Amino acid sequence: MIKRFRHNKASAAAFFLLLFLILMAVFAPSFTPYSYRGQVKNPDGEILSNMPPKIPALRFLGIAQGTAVLEDRQTAFLDDPARYPAGCILEIRDRRVTERGTEYCDVLVDYYRYMKAEEGTAFWFGTDQLGRDIWTRLWRGTRVSLVIALFAVAIDMLIGVSWGAVCGYYGGRTDLIGMRVCEIIHAIPNVILCTMFILLLGRGIGTMILALAVRNWVETARLARAQFLRYKEREFVVSARAMGVRDRRLIFRHILPNAMGPLVTSATLAVPGAIFMESFLSFIGLGIPAPEPSVGTMLSDAQSLLQTYPHQVMLPAAVIALLMIAFHLLSNGLRDAFDPREEKGEV
């Protein structure tokens, strides 16, 4: 199985990408001295809001230098140190004179000097409109989104596999009633069910996990039932039953290990769906409450700043995209690896 997985280069690359994102979510918030909830201020007590990204190590590449363009500035005030501290003006562009004779221009400035930030201050991804470090909030938000998604999928697997195993193994009336319950739950739109659950129990990480798990286990139950219907009449199961092996042992020691391949693949594929749903609920204001961040809440907070500060939207959007791509490619690799007919990419 491992050999077949390694032959799928896209899935192997997705595995390492996912491992990198998880490690960043765990350790990256500690790379900077800033808190995910604290507002950063200059010595004068002014909040350093909407600061541009500044990464000193990349200065030689000409990117993330902490610069910004101030538009429509009166040229007559450029020498005023109260407005433009010494050394903050880097370039004067597009001089123009109005009909009244007032001269205006666009000014490229070192925004950190312009905002009178302390020497050595550098926000790798900038700050948001409340003056909070985006780097810290982004990776902590990624951690929160991953925790919510992984726990929700774990609950889905626990309930869905148990429910589907009982229905598929015993069949008859048990199967009939169990599947009708699944159909009733599945008929309720996911967004409506999650919204009602959150409104009933209040916003929070635990509530979000339960809201995502309350319906998604149905698909796992159906898949588990199909796998148990497939294996329960196989020779090794019939032989074990004839030898007096109890049902519980037959389910968990004989059938379930053989049925785990599609279930693991389905669980891997369910994680990006849970991440997307959590991001969507957070985007519409039903996510975890402030100041705890998630990728969805960061997108929601920055949506009004898309034209002026696009990096505040692009960074969390890129993390969501990478997570979903990585999980989808990983699930494809696991599907091929668990398929016993798969050998060197041929079925």
Protein backbone atom coordinates (compact mmCIF):
# COMPACT_ATOMS: atom_id res chain seq x y z
CA MET A 1 0.00 0.00 0.00
CA ILE A 2 2.76 2.46 0.93
CA LYS A 3 4.59 1.61 -2.29
CA ARG A 4 1.50 2.35 -4.38
CA PHE A 5 0.99 5.63 -2.51
CA ARG A 6 4.59 6.70 -3.11
CA HIS A 7 4.20 6.06 -6.84
CA ASN A 8 1.50 8.74 -6.94
CA LYS A 9 3.75 11.81 -7.00
CA ALA A 10 0.90 14.31 -6.75
CA SER A 11 -0.45 12.66 -3.60
CA ALA A 12 3.02 12.37 -2.07
CA ALA A 13 3.60 16.08 -2.71
CA ALA A 14 0.17 16.84 -1.21
CA PHE A 15 1.13 14.85 1.90
CA PHE A 16 4.25 16.96 2.45
CA LEU A 17 2.33 20.17 1.70
CA LEU A 18 -0.30 19.20 4.25
CA LEU A 19 2.40 18.30 6.78
CA PHE A 20 4.01 21.71 6.22
CA LEU A 21 0.70 23.53 6.72
CA ILE A 22 -0.02 21.59 9.92
CA LEU A 23 3.45 22.33 11.31
CA MET A 24 3.01 26.01 10.46
CA ALA A 25 -0.39 26.05 12.16
CA VAL A 26 1.16 24.56 15.30
CA PHE A 27 4.45 26.46 15.53
CA ALA A 28 4.27 29.57 13.30
CA PRO A 29 2.29 31.76 15.77
CA SER A 30 5.28 31.59 18.12
CA PHE A 31 7.70 32.90 15.47
CA THR A 32 6.76 36.51 16.21
CA PRO A 33 6.36 38.36 19.52
CA TYR A 34 2.84 39.51 18.70
CA SER A 35 -0.39 38.09 20.06
CA TYR A 36 -3.30 37.02 17.88
CA ARG A 37 -5.62 39.26 19.89
CA GLY A 38 -3.43 42.18 20.98
CA GLN A 39 -3.35 45.52 19.17
CA VAL A 40 0.12 46.78 18.32
CA LYS A 41 0.78 50.48 18.94
CA ASN A 42 3.61 52.93 18.32
CA PRO A 43 5.34 54.85 21.14
CA ASP A 44 2.72 57.62 20.81
CA GLY A 45 -0.07 55.14 21.54
CA GLU A 46 -1.44 55.10 17.99
CA ILE A 47 -2.69 51.75 16.67
CA LEU A 48 -0.62 50.40 13.79
CA SER A 49 -3.57 49.39 11.62
CA ASN A 50 -3.38 48.10 8.04
CA MET A 51 0.41 47.96 8.06
CA PRO A 52 1.92 46.48 4.86
CA PRO A 53 3.94 43.25 4.97
CA LYS A 54 7.61 43.67 5.89
CA ILE A 55 10.09 40.80 5.83
CA PRO A 56 13.65 42.12 6.28
CA ALA A 57 15.18 38.87 4.99
CA LEU A 58 13.51 39.42 1.60
CA ARG A 59 14.61 43.02 1.15
CA PHE A 60 17.14 42.04 -1.51
CA LEU A 61 14.27 40.68 -3.65
CA GLY A 62 12.45 43.98 -3.53
CA ILE A 63 9.29 42.50 -1.98
CA ALA A 64 7.62 42.85 1.42
CA GLN A 65 9.61 46.00 2.23
CA GLY A 66 6.90 47.70 4.27
CA THR A 67 6.29 50.44 1.72
CA ALA A 68 3.04 52.03 0.64
CA VAL A 69 1.90 54.73 -1.80
CA LEU A 70 0.07 57.72 -0.33
CA GLU A 71 -2.06 59.30 -3.04
CA ASP A 72 -3.09 62.93 -3.56
CA ARG A 73 -0.71 64.55 -1.08
CA GLN A 74 -0.03 68.27 -1.16
CA THR A 75 3.56 68.88 -2.15
CA ALA A 76 3.81 71.91 0.12
CA PHE A 77 3.54 69.74 3.25
CA LEU A 78 6.12 67.10 2.32
CA ASP A 79 8.78 68.84 4.42
CA ASP A 80 6.59 68.85 7.53
CA PRO A 81 8.25 66.39 9.99
CA ALA A 82 5.03 66.09 11.98
CA ARG A 83 3.31 64.57 8.94
CA TYR A 84 6.26 62.85 7.30
CA PRO A 85 8.98 61.80 9.76
CA ALA A 86 12.55 62.03 8.55
CA GLY A 87 13.52 59.36 6.06
CA CYS A 88 10.01 58.02 5.45
CA ILE A 89 9.61 59.53 1.95
CA LEU A 90 11.26 57.24 -0.61
CA GLU A 91 9.95 58.60 -3.91
CA ILE A 92 7.68 61.36 -5.21
CA ARG A 93 5.53 60.40 -8.18
CA ASP A 94 3.06 61.97 -10.59
CA ARG A 95 3.24 65.64 -9.69
CA ARG A 96 0.19 67.58 -10.86
CA VAL A 97 -1.23 71.08 -10.39
CA THR A 98 -4.92 71.80 -9.96
CA GLU A 99 -6.76 74.74 -11.50
CA ARG A 100 -6.31 76.64 -8.24
CA GLY A 101 -2.55 76.25 -8.42
CA THR A 102 -2.24 73.66 -5.65
CA GLU A 103 0.36 71.02 -6.41
CA TYR A 104 -0.39 67.40 -5.54
CA CYS A 105 1.61 64.20 -5.91
CA ASP A 106 1.72 60.52 -4.96
CA VAL A 107 4.34 59.61 -2.38
CA LEU A 108 6.06 56.26 -1.88
CA VAL A 109 6.86 56.01 1.81
CA ASP A 110 8.39 53.63 4.29
CA TYR A 111 5.09 53.09 6.05
CA TYR A 112 6.70 51.90 9.27
CA ARG A 113 8.58 55.18 9.61
CA TYR A 114 5.51 57.07 8.48
CA MET A 115 3.48 55.48 11.29
CA LYS A 116 6.36 56.05 13.77
CA ALA A 117 6.67 52.37 14.59
CA GLU A 118 9.44 51.30 16.93
CA GLU A 119 12.79 50.48 15.35
CA GLY A 120 12.94 46.83 14.33
CA THR A 121 9.18 46.43 14.07
CA ALA A 122 8.28 44.11 11.19
CA PHE A 123 4.95 42.43 10.50
CA TRP A 124 5.61 39.62 8.03
CA PHE A 125 2.03 39.64 6.71
CA GLY A 126 1.13 43.14 7.92
CA THR A 127 -1.63 44.03 10.36
CA ASP A 128 -5.39 44.15 10.03
CA GLN A 129 -7.64 47.17 10.48
CA LEU A 130 -7.58 46.71 14.27
CA GLY A 131 -3.79 46.60 14.43
CA ARG A 132 -3.43 42.85 15.03
CA ASP A 133 -0.62 40.83 13.48
CA ILE A 134 -1.96 38.92 10.44
CA TRP A 135 0.83 36.31 10.49
CA THR A 136 -0.07 35.20 14.01
CA ARG A 137 -3.80 35.35 13.39
CA LEU A 138 -3.60 33.50 10.07
CA TRP A 139 -1.72 30.49 11.39
CA ARG A 140 -3.68 30.37 14.62
CA GLY A 141 -6.85 30.59 12.54
CA THR A 142 -5.57 27.75 10.36
CA ARG A 143 -5.00 25.72 13.52
CA VAL A 144 -8.52 26.44 14.73
CA SER A 145 -10.04 25.54 11.34
CA LEU A 146 -8.06 22.29 11.19
CA VAL A 147 -9.02 21.33 14.76
CA ILE A 148 -12.70 21.97 14.05
CA ALA A 149 -12.59 20.02 10.78
CA LEU A 150 -10.60 17.06 12.13
CA PHE A 151 -12.73 16.66 15.26
CA ALA A 152 -15.94 16.99 13.23
CA VAL A 153 -14.76 14.29 10.80
CA ALA A 154 -13.67 12.07 13.72
CA ILE A 155 -17.19 12.31 15.18
CA ASP A 156 -18.63 11.63 11.72
CA MET A 157 -16.52 8.49 11.46
CA LEU A 158 -17.40 7.29 14.97
CA ILE A 159 -21.15 7.70 14.53
CA GLY A 160 -21.32 6.85 10.83
CA VAL A 161 -19.21 3.68 10.95
CA SER A 162 -21.05 2.38 14.02
CA TRP A 163 -24.47 3.13 12.53
CA GLY A 164 -23.64 1.74 9.11
CA ALA A 165 -21.97 -1.35 10.55
CA VAL A 166 -25.04 -2.28 12.60
CA CYS A 167 -27.41 -1.64 9.69
CA GLY A 168 -25.31 -3.50 7.16
CA TYR A 169 -24.44 -6.48 9.36
CA TYR A 170 -27.86 -7.23 10.84
CA GLY A 171 -29.99 -6.14 7.84
CA GLY A 172 -33.74 -6.65 7.89
CA ARG A 173 -35.83 -4.31 10.01
CA THR A 174 -32.73 -2.84 11.68
CA ASP A 175 -31.35 -1.85 8.28
CA LEU A 176 -34.73 -0.52 7.12
CA ILE A 177 -35.26 1.73 10.15
CA GLY A 178 -31.62 2.87 10.30
CA MET A 179 -31.53 3.92 6.64
CA ARG A 180 -34.86 5.75 6.89
CA VAL A 181 -33.45 7.78 9.78
CA CYS A 182 -30.41 8.61 7.62
CA GLU A 183 -32.67 9.71 4.76
CA ILE A 184 -34.67 11.99 7.03
CA ILE A 185 -31.52 13.66 8.40
CA HIS A 186 -29.97 13.92 4.94
CA ALA A 187 -33.09 15.64 3.58
CA ILE A 188 -32.43 18.68 5.80
CA PRO A 189 -30.11 21.19 4.05
CA ASN A 190 -26.70 21.23 5.68
CA VAL A 191 -26.46 25.01 5.99
CA ILE A 192 -29.88 25.31 7.61
CA LEU A 193 -29.16 22.52 10.08
CA CYS A 194 -25.77 23.97 11.05
CA THR A 195 -27.27 27.46 11.40
CA MET A 196 -30.08 26.27 13.65
CA PHE A 197 -27.64 24.26 15.76
CA ILE A 198 -25.35 27.27 16.26
CA LEU A 199 -28.25 29.60 17.05
CA LEU A 200 -29.56 27.10 19.59
CA LEU A 201 -26.30 26.41 21.45
CA GLY A 202 -24.40 29.63 20.83
CA ARG A 203 -21.17 30.27 18.97
CA GLY A 204 -17.97 28.47 19.92
CA ILE A 205 -15.46 25.88 18.81
CA GLY A 206 -17.34 22.99 20.44
CA THR A 207 -20.64 24.12 18.96
CA MET A 208 -19.06 24.44 15.51
CA ILE A 209 -17.69 20.89 15.73
CA LEU A 210 -21.08 19.49 16.71
CA ALA A 211 -22.86 21.57 14.05
CA LEU A 212 -20.62 20.14 11.33
CA ALA A 213 -20.93 16.59 12.65
CA VAL A 214 -24.68 16.53 13.26
CA ARG A 215 -25.49 15.66 9.62
CA ASN A 216 -22.30 14.70 7.81
CA TRP A 217 -22.12 11.26 9.45
CA VAL A 218 -24.95 10.09 7.19
CA GLU A 219 -22.69 9.68 4.15
CA THR A 220 -20.20 7.71 6.25
CA ALA A 221 -23.00 5.48 7.52
CA ARG A 222 -24.14 4.72 3.98
CA LEU A 223 -20.63 3.86 2.88
CA ALA A 224 -20.02 1.68 5.94
CA ARG A 225 -23.33 -0.14 5.35
CA ALA A 226 -22.36 -0.84 1.75
CA GLN A 227 -19.00 -2.24 2.84
CA PHE A 228 -20.58 -4.51 5.46
CA LEU A 229 -23.15 -5.78 2.97
CA ARG A 230 -20.23 -6.58 0.70
CA TYR A 231 -18.17 -8.50 3.24
CA LYS A 232 -20.61 -10.12 5.65
CA GLU A 233 -21.28 -13.13 3.40
CA ARG A 234 -17.64 -13.70 2.49
CA GLU A 235 -16.11 -17.09 3.28
CA PHE A 236 -13.88 -15.90 6.12
CA VAL A 237 -16.86 -14.28 7.87
CA VAL A 238 -19.13 -17.28 7.38
CA SER A 239 -16.37 -19.60 8.68
CA ALA A 240 -15.79 -17.41 11.75
CA ARG A 241 -19.53 -17.31 12.46
CA ALA A 242 -19.73 -21.09 12.15
CA MET A 243 -16.94 -21.38 14.73
CA GLY A 244 -19.04 -19.45 17.22
CA VAL A 245 -17.35 -16.05 16.98
CA ARG A 246 -19.58 -13.37 18.47
CA ASP A 247 -21.11 -10.62 16.37
CA ARG A 248 -19.09 -7.85 18.00
CA ARG A 249 -15.84 -9.62 17.20
CA LEU A 250 -16.99 -10.34 13.66
CA ILE A 251 -17.81 -6.67 13.11
CA PHE A 252 -14.69 -5.10 14.60
CA ARG A 253 -12.03 -7.78 14.03
CA HIS A 254 -13.03 -9.43 10.76
CA ILE A 255 -15.18 -7.12 8.62
CA LEU A 256 -14.21 -3.59 9.66
CA PRO A 257 -10.44 -3.90 8.94
CA ASN A 258 -11.26 -5.03 5.38
CA ALA A 259 -13.72 -2.17 4.93
CA MET A 260 -11.44 0.60 6.22
CA GLY A 261 -9.90 1.55 2.86
CA PRO A 262 -12.92 3.38 1.37
CA LEU A 263 -13.82 4.75 4.82
CA VAL A 264 -10.38 6.31 5.35
CA THR A 265 -10.48 7.76 1.85
CA SER A 266 -13.94 9.19 2.51
CA ALA A 267 -12.79 10.70 5.81
CA THR A 268 -9.79 12.34 4.13
CA LEU A 269 -12.10 13.78 1.49
CA ALA A 270 -14.53 15.02 4.17
CA VAL A 271 -11.90 17.19 5.90
CA PRO A 272 -11.72 19.89 3.16
CA GLY A 273 -15.52 19.91 3.03
CA ALA A 274 -15.63 20.58 6.78
CA ILE A 275 -12.99 23.31 6.43
CA PHE A 276 -15.00 24.95 3.66
CA MET A 277 -18.24 24.77 5.65
CA GLU A 278 -16.55 26.21 8.76
CA SER A 279 -15.09 29.03 6.66
CA PHE A 280 -18.47 29.71 5.09
CA LEU A 281 -20.28 29.83 8.44
CA SER A 282 -17.57 32.10 9.86
CA PHE A 283 -17.77 34.30 6.76
CA ILE A 284 -21.50 34.91 7.27
CA GLY A 285 -20.98 35.65 10.97
CA LEU A 286 -21.96 32.31 12.51
CA GLY A 287 -18.46 31.11 13.29
CA ILE A 288 -16.47 31.24 16.49
CA PRO A 289 -16.71 34.56 18.38
CA ALA A 290 -14.00 37.22 18.40
CA PRO A 291 -11.17 37.58 19.15
CA GLU A 292 -10.45 33.92 18.37
CA PRO A 293 -9.57 33.81 14.67
CA SER A 294 -10.31 31.28 11.97
CA VAL A 295 -9.62 31.47 8.27
CA GLY A 296 -13.28 32.21 7.60
CA THR A 297 -13.49 35.06 10.13
CA MET A 298 -10.34 36.63 8.67
CA LEU A 299 -11.92 36.57 5.21
CA SER A 300 -15.11 38.07 6.60
CA ASP A 301 -13.21 40.86 8.39
CA ALA A 302 -11.13 41.73 5.31
CA GLN A 303 -13.80 41.55 2.59
CA SER A 304 -14.42 45.30 2.70
CA LEU A 305 -10.69 45.96 2.24
CA LEU A 306 -10.24 43.89 -0.91
CA GLN A 307 -9.51 46.86 -3.17
CA THR A 308 -7.31 48.79 -0.75
CA TYR A 309 -5.48 45.98 1.08
CA PRO A 310 -5.91 42.85 -1.10
CA HIS A 311 -3.26 40.85 0.77
CA GLN A 312 -5.55 40.66 3.81
CA VAL A 313 -8.00 38.64 1.69
CA MET A 314 -5.53 36.79 -0.53
CA LEU A 315 -3.48 35.27 2.31
CA PRO A 316 -6.31 33.40 4.11
CA ALA A 317 -7.87 32.53 0.75
CA ALA A 318 -4.57 30.97 -0.35
CA VAL A 319 -4.36 28.90 2.84
CA ILE A 320 -7.91 27.57 2.32
CA ALA A 321 -7.11 26.74 -1.31
CA LEU A 322 -3.89 24.91 -0.40
CA LEU A 323 -5.61 22.91 2.35
CA MET A 324 -8.45 21.82 0.09
CA ILE A 325 -6.12 20.91 -2.80
CA ALA A 326 -3.79 18.98 -0.50
CA PHE A 327 -6.60 16.96 1.10
CA HIS A 328 -8.22 16.17 -2.27
CA LEU A 329 -4.94 14.98 -3.79
CA LEU A 330 -4.15 12.99 -0.64
CA SER A 331 -7.54 11.28 -0.77
CA ASN A 332 -6.93 10.32 -4.41
CA GLY A 333 -3.62 8.74 -3.43
CA LEU A 334 -5.17 6.86 -0.51
CA ARG A 335 -7.96 5.59 -2.74
CA ASP A 336 -5.43 4.16 -5.19
CA ALA A 337 -3.23 2.79 -2.40
CA PHE A 338 -6.09 0.92 -0.71
CA ASP A 339 -7.23 -0.58 -4.01
CA PRO A 340 -5.63 -4.04 -4.20
CA ARG A 341 -5.98 -4.04 -7.98
CA GLU A 342 -3.82 -0.93 -8.27
CA GLU A 343 -0.28 -1.70 -9.36
CA LYS A 344 2.01 0.92 -10.87
CA GLY A 345 -0.90 3.13 -11.81
CA GLU A 346 -2.86 0.43 -13.69
CA VAL A 347 -6.06 -1.25 -12.57
